[in-house]
C-alpha cells in the first residue's frame, strides 16, 4: 500500500517540498488514505498527456506495457474542482483538545465550517473510488473533527482565523522512505 494524505497547510509550503515526518508544517488533515501499490499505478508520473487527460476525465492512461500511470495526476484531476471551490474559506480555531491514546496528542480544534466539511466529504467520495482504503474510517464524514496538531512550539491559538489557501496531496513514504514526507501536488489560492 502507498500511504497518501490530503491536507490544508496553515504554513507556507512549496510544491515538491520534502520534510521530516516529525516536523510537519502546521496543517489540517482532510483525508488520509492508502492506495494499492499492486494496482500498477505510478504516483509520480510527469507525463503531460496524463495530466491533461486526468483533468478532463477520470480515465487512467496506460503506457505501452499496459501499466496504469499517473495516479497522482488522476487524483489531482478528480479533486481539482472541489479543492479550488474551497480555497479562500476562512476558518476559526477553537479550543485545545487531546487526541490519540489517552489524549496525549495536543491539537487545536477547528470550529465547524460547512465549506470545510463539504470539501472533506467530496474528497472522501473520490478516495472511495480509488484502489485502496481509508485506514481510519471512523474519523471521517459525520465523525470528521478537523484540527491542527501542535508541533513543539508551533501551534494555533483559540480565536485565530486561518484561510484555507494551500491544499496538498502528500506522499507519506516517498520512494519507500518512511522518515520523510513529500508534497506531490499543491493547490494555492491566487490573489
N, C-alpha and C. Protein backbone atom coordinates (compact mmCIF):
# COMPACT_ATOMS: atom_id res chain seq x y z
N UNK A 1 0.84 -1.18 0.00
CA UNK A 1 0.00 0.00 0.00
C UNK A 1 0.88 1.24 0.00
N UNK A 2 0.43 2.24 -0.68
CA UNK A 2 1.10 3.54 -0.73
C UNK A 2 0.29 4.50 0.13
N UNK A 3 0.90 5.08 1.15
CA UNK A 3 0.21 5.97 2.09
C UNK A 3 0.22 7.40 1.57
N UNK A 4 -0.99 7.98 1.43
CA UNK A 4 -1.15 9.36 0.97
C UNK A 4 -2.04 10.11 1.94
N UNK A 5 -1.96 11.41 1.89
CA UNK A 5 -2.81 12.24 2.73
C UNK A 5 -3.09 13.55 2.00
N UNK A 6 -4.31 14.03 2.13
CA UNK A 6 -4.68 15.35 1.62
C UNK A 6 -4.82 16.26 2.82
N UNK A 7 -4.10 17.39 2.78
CA UNK A 7 -4.09 18.31 3.91
C UNK A 7 -4.25 19.74 3.43
N UNK A 8 -4.68 20.59 4.35
CA UNK A 8 -4.69 22.04 4.13
C UNK A 8 -3.58 22.60 5.01
N UNK A 9 -2.53 23.11 4.39
CA UNK A 9 -1.41 23.66 5.16
C UNK A 9 -1.75 25.04 5.69
N UNK A 10 -1.37 25.31 6.92
CA UNK A 10 -1.54 26.60 7.57
C UNK A 10 -0.28 27.44 7.37
N UNK A 11 0.85 26.79 7.20
CA UNK A 11 2.13 27.46 6.99
C UNK A 11 2.52 27.39 5.51
N UNK A 12 3.34 28.33 5.05
CA UNK A 12 3.78 28.30 3.65
C UNK A 12 4.57 27.02 3.34
N UNK A 13 4.29 26.45 2.17
CA UNK A 13 4.99 25.28 1.65
C UNK A 13 5.15 25.46 0.15
N UNK A 14 5.97 24.60 -0.45
CA UNK A 14 6.16 24.65 -1.90
C UNK A 14 5.87 23.28 -2.50
N UNK A 15 5.47 23.26 -3.76
CA UNK A 15 5.24 22.02 -4.47
C UNK A 15 6.54 21.23 -4.50
N UNK A 16 6.49 19.94 -4.19
CA UNK A 16 7.67 19.10 -4.19
C UNK A 16 8.46 19.11 -2.89
N UNK A 17 8.05 19.93 -1.93
CA UNK A 17 8.76 20.02 -0.65
C UNK A 17 8.85 18.65 0.01
N UNK A 18 10.06 18.33 0.50
CA UNK A 18 10.29 17.13 1.30
C UNK A 18 10.61 17.60 2.71
N UNK A 19 9.96 16.99 3.71
CA UNK A 19 10.20 17.39 5.09
C UNK A 19 10.19 16.15 5.99
N UNK A 20 10.85 16.24 7.15
CA UNK A 20 10.91 15.09 8.06
C UNK A 20 9.53 14.74 8.61
N UNK A 21 9.30 13.47 8.85
CA UNK A 21 7.99 13.03 9.33
C UNK A 21 7.63 13.61 10.68
N UNK A 22 8.60 13.99 11.46
CA UNK A 22 8.31 14.55 12.78
C UNK A 22 8.38 16.08 12.81
N UNK A 23 8.42 16.71 11.64
CA UNK A 23 8.47 18.18 11.58
C UNK A 23 7.55 18.70 10.47
N UNK A 24 6.28 18.32 10.56
CA UNK A 24 5.28 18.77 9.60
C UNK A 24 5.06 20.27 9.73
N UNK A 25 4.87 20.97 8.62
CA UNK A 25 4.31 22.33 8.72
C UNK A 25 2.89 22.19 9.29
N UNK A 26 2.41 23.21 10.01
CA UNK A 26 1.07 23.14 10.59
C UNK A 26 0.05 22.91 9.48
N UNK A 27 -0.93 22.03 9.76
CA UNK A 27 -1.90 21.65 8.73
C UNK A 27 -3.16 21.09 9.36
N UNK A 28 -4.20 21.03 8.53
CA UNK A 28 -5.45 20.36 8.87
C UNK A 28 -5.55 19.15 7.96
N UNK A 29 -5.69 17.97 8.53
CA UNK A 29 -5.85 16.77 7.72
C UNK A 29 -7.25 16.77 7.12
N UNK A 30 -7.32 16.54 5.81
CA UNK A 30 -8.60 16.46 5.10
C UNK A 30 -9.03 15.01 4.95
N UNK A 31 -8.12 14.14 4.52
CA UNK A 31 -8.39 12.70 4.46
C UNK A 31 -7.06 11.98 4.24
N UNK A 32 -6.87 10.90 4.99
CA UNK A 32 -5.69 10.04 4.84
C UNK A 32 -6.16 8.75 4.19
N UNK A 33 -5.37 8.25 3.24
CA UNK A 33 -5.78 7.03 2.55
C UNK A 33 -4.58 6.26 2.03
N UNK A 34 -4.80 4.99 1.76
CA UNK A 34 -3.79 4.11 1.20
C UNK A 34 -4.24 3.69 -0.19
N UNK A 35 -3.28 3.61 -1.11
CA UNK A 35 -3.55 3.17 -2.47
C UNK A 35 -2.83 1.85 -2.68
N UNK A 36 -3.51 0.89 -3.26
CA UNK A 36 -2.94 -0.43 -3.51
C UNK A 36 -1.76 -0.32 -4.48
N UNK A 37 -0.56 -0.54 -3.98
CA UNK A 37 0.64 -0.45 -4.81
C UNK A 37 0.66 -1.53 -5.89
N UNK A 38 -0.07 -2.61 -5.70
CA UNK A 38 -0.10 -3.69 -6.68
C UNK A 38 -1.01 -3.37 -7.86
N UNK A 39 -1.68 -2.22 -7.81
CA UNK A 39 -2.57 -1.87 -8.91
C UNK A 39 -1.79 -1.42 -10.13
N UNK A 40 -0.46 -1.25 -9.98
CA UNK A 40 0.38 -0.86 -11.11
C UNK A 40 0.38 0.63 -11.39
N UNK A 41 -0.15 1.42 -10.50
CA UNK A 41 -0.20 2.85 -10.75
C UNK A 41 1.10 3.52 -10.35
N UNK A 42 1.44 4.57 -11.06
CA UNK A 42 2.64 5.35 -10.80
C UNK A 42 2.20 6.70 -10.26
N UNK A 43 2.52 6.99 -9.01
CA UNK A 43 2.08 8.24 -8.39
C UNK A 43 2.90 9.44 -8.80
N UNK A 44 4.02 9.25 -9.43
CA UNK A 44 4.87 10.40 -9.70
C UNK A 44 5.15 10.58 -11.19
N UNK A 45 4.20 10.21 -12.04
CA UNK A 45 4.35 10.40 -13.47
C UNK A 45 4.36 11.87 -13.82
N UNK A 46 5.27 12.28 -14.68
CA UNK A 46 5.31 13.67 -15.14
C UNK A 46 4.85 13.79 -16.58
N UNK A 47 4.14 12.78 -17.06
CA UNK A 47 3.65 12.76 -18.43
C UNK A 47 2.57 13.83 -18.61
N UNK A 48 2.88 14.87 -19.41
CA UNK A 48 1.93 15.97 -19.61
C UNK A 48 0.61 15.51 -20.20
N UNK A 49 0.64 14.50 -21.03
CA UNK A 49 -0.60 13.99 -21.63
C UNK A 49 -1.51 13.42 -20.55
N UNK A 50 -0.91 12.74 -19.59
CA UNK A 50 -1.69 12.18 -18.50
C UNK A 50 -2.31 13.31 -17.69
N UNK A 51 -1.54 14.36 -17.40
CA UNK A 51 -2.06 15.48 -16.62
C UNK A 51 -3.24 16.13 -17.33
N UNK A 52 -3.11 16.35 -18.62
CA UNK A 52 -4.19 16.99 -19.36
C UNK A 52 -5.44 16.13 -19.37
N UNK A 53 -5.28 14.84 -19.67
CA UNK A 53 -6.43 13.96 -19.74
C UNK A 53 -7.05 13.71 -18.37
N UNK A 54 -6.23 13.71 -17.31
CA UNK A 54 -6.75 13.46 -15.97
C UNK A 54 -7.73 14.54 -15.55
N UNK A 55 -7.50 15.76 -15.99
CA UNK A 55 -8.40 16.84 -15.62
C UNK A 55 -9.71 16.73 -16.38
N UNK A 56 -9.67 16.22 -17.59
CA UNK A 56 -10.88 16.12 -18.41
C UNK A 56 -11.75 14.92 -18.07
N UNK A 57 -11.12 13.81 -17.70
CA UNK A 57 -11.87 12.60 -17.40
C UNK A 57 -11.21 11.90 -16.22
N UNK A 58 -11.86 10.85 -15.72
CA UNK A 58 -11.21 10.10 -14.66
C UNK A 58 -10.63 8.80 -15.20
N UNK A 59 -10.38 8.75 -16.50
CA UNK A 59 -9.76 7.57 -17.09
C UNK A 59 -8.28 7.53 -16.74
N UNK A 60 -7.76 6.33 -16.54
CA UNK A 60 -6.34 6.17 -16.26
C UNK A 60 -5.65 5.81 -17.56
N UNK A 61 -4.61 6.54 -17.89
CA UNK A 61 -3.84 6.25 -19.09
C UNK A 61 -2.94 5.04 -18.82
N UNK A 62 -2.60 4.33 -19.87
CA UNK A 62 -1.67 3.22 -19.73
C UNK A 62 -0.52 3.42 -20.67
N UNK A 63 0.65 2.91 -20.25
CA UNK A 63 1.79 3.00 -21.15
C UNK A 63 1.79 1.79 -22.07
N UNK A 64 2.81 1.66 -22.89
CA UNK A 64 2.85 0.58 -23.85
C UNK A 64 2.79 -0.80 -23.22
N UNK A 65 3.25 -0.92 -21.97
CA UNK A 65 3.24 -2.21 -21.29
C UNK A 65 1.92 -2.50 -20.60
N UNK A 66 0.96 -1.60 -20.73
CA UNK A 66 -0.33 -1.83 -20.12
C UNK A 66 -0.40 -1.42 -18.66
N UNK A 67 0.68 -0.89 -18.11
CA UNK A 67 0.67 -0.46 -16.71
C UNK A 67 -0.03 0.88 -16.58
N UNK A 68 -0.92 0.99 -15.61
CA UNK A 68 -1.58 2.27 -15.35
C UNK A 68 -0.54 3.24 -14.82
N UNK A 69 -0.63 4.52 -15.22
CA UNK A 69 0.33 5.51 -14.75
C UNK A 69 -0.39 6.80 -14.40
N UNK A 70 0.26 7.58 -13.59
CA UNK A 70 -0.24 8.92 -13.30
C UNK A 70 -1.36 8.99 -12.28
N UNK A 71 -1.33 8.15 -11.23
CA UNK A 71 -2.41 8.21 -10.26
C UNK A 71 -2.45 9.56 -9.53
N UNK A 72 -1.29 10.13 -9.23
CA UNK A 72 -1.29 11.45 -8.58
C UNK A 72 -1.98 12.46 -9.48
N UNK A 73 -1.72 12.37 -10.77
CA UNK A 73 -2.37 13.26 -11.73
C UNK A 73 -3.87 12.98 -11.80
N UNK A 74 -4.22 11.71 -11.74
CA UNK A 74 -5.63 11.34 -11.77
C UNK A 74 -6.34 11.88 -10.53
N UNK A 75 -5.74 11.69 -9.37
CA UNK A 75 -6.33 12.21 -8.14
C UNK A 75 -6.47 13.73 -8.25
N UNK A 76 -5.42 14.39 -8.71
CA UNK A 76 -5.45 15.86 -8.84
C UNK A 76 -6.60 16.28 -9.75
N UNK A 77 -6.78 15.58 -10.85
CA UNK A 77 -7.87 15.92 -11.76
C UNK A 77 -9.24 15.72 -11.15
N UNK A 78 -9.38 14.65 -10.37
CA UNK A 78 -10.68 14.34 -9.76
C UNK A 78 -11.05 15.30 -8.64
N UNK A 79 -10.06 15.84 -7.95
CA UNK A 79 -10.37 16.70 -6.80
C UNK A 79 -10.15 18.18 -7.09
N UNK A 80 -9.72 18.51 -8.28
CA UNK A 80 -9.38 19.90 -8.60
C UNK A 80 -10.54 20.87 -8.34
N UNK A 81 -11.73 20.56 -8.83
CA UNK A 81 -12.86 21.48 -8.68
C UNK A 81 -13.27 21.69 -7.23
N UNK A 82 -13.49 20.64 -6.43
CA UNK A 82 -13.87 20.89 -5.04
C UNK A 82 -12.76 21.58 -4.24
N UNK A 83 -11.50 21.27 -4.52
CA UNK A 83 -10.41 21.94 -3.81
C UNK A 83 -10.40 23.42 -4.15
N UNK A 84 -10.47 23.73 -5.44
CA UNK A 84 -10.46 25.15 -5.84
C UNK A 84 -11.67 25.90 -5.28
N UNK A 85 -12.81 25.23 -5.20
CA UNK A 85 -14.01 25.87 -4.66
C UNK A 85 -13.84 26.21 -3.17
N UNK A 86 -13.08 25.40 -2.45
CA UNK A 86 -12.88 25.62 -1.01
C UNK A 86 -11.79 26.63 -0.70
N UNK A 87 -10.86 26.84 -1.64
CA UNK A 87 -9.77 27.79 -1.39
C UNK A 87 -10.35 29.16 -1.05
N UNK A 88 -9.79 29.78 -0.05
CA UNK A 88 -10.25 31.09 0.40
C UNK A 88 -11.20 31.02 1.58
N UNK A 89 -11.63 29.81 1.95
CA UNK A 89 -12.51 29.65 3.11
C UNK A 89 -11.78 30.10 4.37
N UNK A 90 -12.45 30.92 5.16
CA UNK A 90 -11.90 31.38 6.44
C UNK A 90 -12.34 30.40 7.52
N UNK A 91 -11.37 29.97 8.32
CA UNK A 91 -11.62 29.00 9.38
C UNK A 91 -11.21 29.61 10.72
N UNK A 92 -11.98 29.34 11.74
CA UNK A 92 -11.67 29.83 13.07
C UNK A 92 -11.18 28.68 13.94
N UNK A 93 -10.08 28.92 14.63
CA UNK A 93 -9.52 27.92 15.53
C UNK A 93 -10.30 27.95 16.84
N UNK A 94 -10.66 26.77 17.32
CA UNK A 94 -11.42 26.66 18.56
C UNK A 94 -10.54 26.24 19.72
N UNK A 95 -11.13 25.48 20.61
CA UNK A 95 -10.46 25.06 21.84
C UNK A 95 -9.36 24.05 21.58
N UNK A 96 -8.47 23.93 22.55
CA UNK A 96 -7.46 22.88 22.53
C UNK A 96 -8.11 21.57 22.97
N UNK A 97 -7.53 20.47 22.52
CA UNK A 97 -8.01 19.14 22.89
C UNK A 97 -6.82 18.18 22.86
N UNK A 98 -7.06 16.98 23.31
CA UNK A 98 -6.05 15.92 23.25
C UNK A 98 -6.57 14.76 22.43
N UNK A 99 -5.85 14.38 21.39
CA UNK A 99 -6.23 13.25 20.55
C UNK A 99 -5.28 12.10 20.85
N UNK A 100 -5.53 10.98 20.21
CA UNK A 100 -4.65 9.83 20.37
C UNK A 100 -4.87 9.10 21.68
N UNK A 101 -3.99 8.16 21.95
CA UNK A 101 -4.08 7.35 23.15
C UNK A 101 -4.01 8.22 24.40
N UNK A 102 -5.03 8.13 25.20
CA UNK A 102 -5.13 8.87 26.45
C UNK A 102 -5.04 10.39 26.26
N UNK A 103 -5.40 10.86 25.04
CA UNK A 103 -5.39 12.30 24.78
C UNK A 103 -4.01 12.91 24.82
N UNK A 104 -3.00 12.13 24.44
CA UNK A 104 -1.60 12.59 24.57
C UNK A 104 -1.11 13.45 23.42
N UNK A 105 -1.91 13.61 22.36
CA UNK A 105 -1.51 14.44 21.22
C UNK A 105 -2.25 15.77 21.30
N UNK A 106 -1.54 16.88 21.61
CA UNK A 106 -2.21 18.17 21.73
C UNK A 106 -2.59 18.73 20.36
N UNK A 107 -3.84 19.18 20.25
CA UNK A 107 -4.36 19.73 18.99
C UNK A 107 -5.18 20.98 19.29
N UNK A 108 -5.37 21.77 18.26
CA UNK A 108 -6.33 22.88 18.28
C UNK A 108 -7.47 22.49 17.36
N UNK A 109 -8.68 22.43 17.89
CA UNK A 109 -9.84 22.09 17.07
C UNK A 109 -10.15 23.24 16.11
N UNK A 110 -10.75 22.92 14.98
CA UNK A 110 -11.23 23.92 14.03
C UNK A 110 -12.74 24.01 14.23
N UNK A 111 -13.24 25.23 14.37
CA UNK A 111 -14.68 25.42 14.55
C UNK A 111 -15.42 24.84 13.33
N UNK A 112 -16.64 24.34 13.54
CA UNK A 112 -17.40 23.78 12.41
C UNK A 112 -17.48 24.76 11.24
N UNK A 113 -17.27 24.21 10.04
CA UNK A 113 -17.29 25.01 8.81
C UNK A 113 -17.94 24.17 7.72
N UNK A 114 -19.03 24.65 7.18
CA UNK A 114 -19.72 23.91 6.12
C UNK A 114 -18.83 23.71 4.89
N UNK A 115 -18.11 24.76 4.41
CA UNK A 115 -17.24 24.53 3.25
C UNK A 115 -16.14 23.50 3.52
N UNK A 116 -15.57 23.49 4.73
CA UNK A 116 -14.54 22.52 5.06
C UNK A 116 -15.14 21.11 5.13
N UNK A 117 -16.30 20.98 5.73
CA UNK A 117 -16.96 19.67 5.81
C UNK A 117 -17.31 19.17 4.40
N UNK A 118 -17.82 20.06 3.54
CA UNK A 118 -18.15 19.66 2.17
C UNK A 118 -16.91 19.22 1.41
N UNK A 119 -15.78 19.92 1.61
CA UNK A 119 -14.53 19.51 0.95
C UNK A 119 -14.13 18.12 1.43
N UNK A 120 -14.15 17.91 2.73
CA UNK A 120 -13.80 16.59 3.28
C UNK A 120 -14.68 15.50 2.67
N UNK A 121 -15.99 15.73 2.63
CA UNK A 121 -16.91 14.71 2.10
C UNK A 121 -16.68 14.47 0.62
N UNK A 122 -16.39 15.52 -0.14
CA UNK A 122 -16.10 15.35 -1.56
C UNK A 122 -14.82 14.53 -1.76
N UNK A 123 -13.79 14.84 -0.97
CA UNK A 123 -12.53 14.09 -1.06
C UNK A 123 -12.74 12.63 -0.66
N UNK A 124 -13.54 12.39 0.35
CA UNK A 124 -13.84 11.02 0.75
C UNK A 124 -14.53 10.26 -0.38
N UNK A 125 -15.45 10.93 -1.08
CA UNK A 125 -16.12 10.30 -2.20
C UNK A 125 -15.15 9.91 -3.30
N UNK A 126 -14.18 10.77 -3.57
CA UNK A 126 -13.17 10.47 -4.59
C UNK A 126 -12.29 9.32 -4.15
N UNK A 127 -11.81 9.37 -2.92
CA UNK A 127 -10.92 8.34 -2.40
C UNK A 127 -11.61 6.97 -2.41
N UNK A 128 -12.91 6.94 -2.13
CA UNK A 128 -13.65 5.68 -2.12
C UNK A 128 -13.61 4.99 -3.48
N UNK A 129 -13.43 5.76 -4.56
CA UNK A 129 -13.38 5.18 -5.89
C UNK A 129 -11.99 4.74 -6.34
N UNK A 130 -11.00 4.91 -5.49
CA UNK A 130 -9.63 4.52 -5.83
C UNK A 130 -9.32 3.12 -5.33
N UNK A 131 -8.29 2.47 -5.91
CA UNK A 131 -7.92 1.12 -5.45
C UNK A 131 -7.16 1.20 -4.13
N UNK A 132 -7.88 1.12 -3.03
CA UNK A 132 -7.22 1.20 -1.73
C UNK A 132 -8.22 1.31 -0.61
N UNK A 133 -7.83 2.03 0.46
CA UNK A 133 -8.70 2.12 1.63
C UNK A 133 -8.38 3.35 2.45
N UNK A 134 -9.31 3.72 3.31
CA UNK A 134 -9.09 4.76 4.31
C UNK A 134 -8.83 4.00 5.61
N UNK A 135 -7.62 4.13 6.19
CA UNK A 135 -7.27 3.31 7.35
C UNK A 135 -8.02 3.67 8.64
N UNK A 136 -8.58 4.86 8.71
CA UNK A 136 -9.31 5.26 9.91
C UNK A 136 -10.70 5.78 9.54
N UNK A 137 -11.56 4.93 8.99
CA UNK A 137 -12.86 5.40 8.51
C UNK A 137 -13.75 5.96 9.63
N UNK A 138 -13.52 5.55 10.87
CA UNK A 138 -14.35 6.04 11.97
C UNK A 138 -14.04 7.50 12.34
N UNK A 139 -13.05 8.13 11.69
CA UNK A 139 -12.75 9.55 11.90
C UNK A 139 -13.11 10.38 10.67
N UNK A 140 -14.04 9.89 9.87
CA UNK A 140 -14.40 10.57 8.63
C UNK A 140 -15.89 10.90 8.59
N UNK A 141 -16.27 11.64 7.57
CA UNK A 141 -17.66 12.01 7.29
C UNK A 141 -18.31 12.63 8.53
N UNK A 142 -19.34 12.04 9.10
CA UNK A 142 -20.02 12.64 10.26
C UNK A 142 -19.13 12.72 11.49
N UNK A 143 -18.08 11.89 11.54
CA UNK A 143 -17.17 11.88 12.68
C UNK A 143 -15.87 12.66 12.42
N UNK A 144 -15.82 13.41 11.33
CA UNK A 144 -14.64 14.21 10.99
C UNK A 144 -14.49 15.34 12.00
N UNK A 145 -13.33 15.45 12.63
CA UNK A 145 -13.05 16.51 13.60
C UNK A 145 -11.79 17.25 13.15
N UNK A 146 -11.96 18.25 12.29
CA UNK A 146 -10.78 18.97 11.80
C UNK A 146 -10.03 19.62 12.96
N UNK A 147 -8.70 19.56 12.85
CA UNK A 147 -7.85 20.08 13.92
C UNK A 147 -6.46 20.38 13.37
N UNK A 148 -5.71 21.13 14.13
CA UNK A 148 -4.31 21.42 13.82
C UNK A 148 -3.49 20.84 14.96
N UNK A 149 -2.67 19.83 14.66
CA UNK A 149 -1.80 19.25 15.69
C UNK A 149 -0.70 20.23 16.04
N UNK A 150 -0.37 20.29 17.32
CA UNK A 150 0.74 21.13 17.77
C UNK A 150 2.04 20.40 17.45
N UNK A 151 3.05 21.15 17.06
CA UNK A 151 4.38 20.58 16.78
C UNK A 151 5.38 21.39 17.57
N UNK A 152 5.71 20.91 18.77
CA UNK A 152 6.61 21.66 19.64
C UNK A 152 5.99 23.00 19.98
N UNK A 153 6.71 24.06 19.70
CA UNK A 153 6.20 25.41 19.97
C UNK A 153 5.28 25.92 18.87
N UNK A 154 5.24 25.22 17.74
CA UNK A 154 4.38 25.65 16.64
C UNK A 154 2.95 25.21 16.93
N UNK A 155 2.01 26.15 16.88
CA UNK A 155 0.62 25.82 17.14
C UNK A 155 -0.25 27.00 16.77
N UNK A 156 -1.54 26.74 16.69
CA UNK A 156 -2.52 27.81 16.53
C UNK A 156 -3.16 28.04 17.90
N UNK A 157 -3.78 29.21 18.05
CA UNK A 157 -4.41 29.57 19.33
C UNK A 157 -5.91 29.73 19.15
N UNK A 158 -6.70 29.46 20.22
CA UNK A 158 -8.14 29.67 20.13
C UNK A 158 -8.45 31.09 19.68
N UNK A 159 -9.36 31.20 18.70
CA UNK A 159 -9.74 32.50 18.16
C UNK A 159 -8.97 32.91 16.92
N UNK A 160 -7.82 32.25 16.64
CA UNK A 160 -7.08 32.54 15.40
C UNK A 160 -7.99 32.28 14.21
N UNK A 161 -7.84 33.10 13.18
CA UNK A 161 -8.55 32.87 11.93
C UNK A 161 -7.49 32.53 10.88
N UNK A 162 -7.68 31.41 10.21
CA UNK A 162 -6.76 30.98 9.16
C UNK A 162 -7.56 30.86 7.86
N UNK A 163 -6.88 31.05 6.76
CA UNK A 163 -7.51 30.94 5.45
C UNK A 163 -7.07 29.64 4.81
N UNK A 164 -8.02 28.89 4.29
CA UNK A 164 -7.70 27.66 3.58
C UNK A 164 -7.13 28.10 2.21
N UNK A 165 -5.81 28.27 2.17
CA UNK A 165 -5.20 28.79 0.95
C UNK A 165 -4.14 27.87 0.35
N UNK A 166 -3.89 26.71 0.98
CA UNK A 166 -2.93 25.74 0.45
C UNK A 166 -3.44 24.34 0.74
N UNK A 167 -3.80 23.59 -0.29
CA UNK A 167 -4.20 22.19 -0.13
C UNK A 167 -3.19 21.35 -0.88
N UNK A 168 -2.78 20.23 -0.27
CA UNK A 168 -1.73 19.42 -0.88
C UNK A 168 -2.04 17.94 -0.78
N UNK A 169 -1.56 17.21 -1.78
CA UNK A 169 -1.51 15.76 -1.78
C UNK A 169 -0.10 15.39 -1.36
N UNK A 170 0.03 14.66 -0.26
CA UNK A 170 1.35 14.36 0.31
C UNK A 170 1.58 12.86 0.33
N UNK A 171 2.77 12.44 -0.10
CA UNK A 171 3.20 11.05 -0.02
C UNK A 171 3.84 10.85 1.35
N UNK A 172 3.32 9.90 2.12
CA UNK A 172 3.79 9.67 3.48
C UNK A 172 5.07 8.83 3.55
N UNK A 173 5.50 8.27 2.42
CA UNK A 173 6.74 7.49 2.39
C UNK A 173 7.30 7.50 0.97
N UNK A 174 7.77 8.68 0.50
CA UNK A 174 8.27 8.74 -0.87
C UNK A 174 9.45 7.81 -1.09
N UNK A 175 9.40 7.10 -2.19
CA UNK A 175 10.45 6.12 -2.53
C UNK A 175 10.66 5.11 -1.41
N UNK A 176 9.62 4.83 -0.63
CA UNK A 176 9.70 3.86 0.45
C UNK A 176 10.36 4.38 1.72
N UNK A 177 10.71 5.66 1.76
CA UNK A 177 11.39 6.25 2.91
C UNK A 177 10.34 6.79 3.90
N UNK A 178 10.13 6.08 4.99
CA UNK A 178 9.11 6.46 5.97
C UNK A 178 9.55 7.60 6.88
N UNK A 179 10.79 8.05 6.77
CA UNK A 179 11.28 9.12 7.65
C UNK A 179 11.00 10.51 7.10
N UNK A 180 10.52 10.59 5.85
CA UNK A 180 10.22 11.89 5.25
C UNK A 180 8.85 11.87 4.58
N UNK A 181 8.36 13.06 4.25
CA UNK A 181 7.11 13.25 3.51
C UNK A 181 7.41 14.12 2.30
N UNK A 182 6.63 13.97 1.22
CA UNK A 182 6.83 14.77 0.01
C UNK A 182 5.49 15.28 -0.51
N UNK A 183 5.45 16.57 -0.81
CA UNK A 183 4.26 17.15 -1.42
C UNK A 183 4.27 16.79 -2.90
N UNK A 184 3.25 16.03 -3.33
CA UNK A 184 3.14 15.61 -4.72
C UNK A 184 2.40 16.64 -5.57
N UNK A 185 1.38 17.27 -5.01
CA UNK A 185 0.60 18.30 -5.72
C UNK A 185 0.21 19.36 -4.70
N UNK A 186 0.19 20.61 -5.15
CA UNK A 186 -0.16 21.72 -4.28
C UNK A 186 -1.11 22.65 -5.00
N UNK A 187 -2.24 22.93 -4.36
CA UNK A 187 -3.19 23.93 -4.85
C UNK A 187 -3.03 25.15 -3.95
N UNK A 188 -2.90 26.34 -4.56
CA UNK A 188 -2.76 27.56 -3.77
C UNK A 188 -3.77 28.59 -4.22
N UNK A 189 -4.22 29.38 -3.26
CA UNK A 189 -5.11 30.48 -3.56
C UNK A 189 -4.31 31.57 -4.27
N UNK A 190 -4.75 31.96 -5.43
CA UNK A 190 -4.07 33.04 -6.15
C UNK A 190 -4.77 34.35 -5.85
N UNK A 191 -3.97 35.36 -5.69
CA UNK A 191 -4.54 36.67 -5.30
C UNK A 191 -4.77 37.55 -6.48
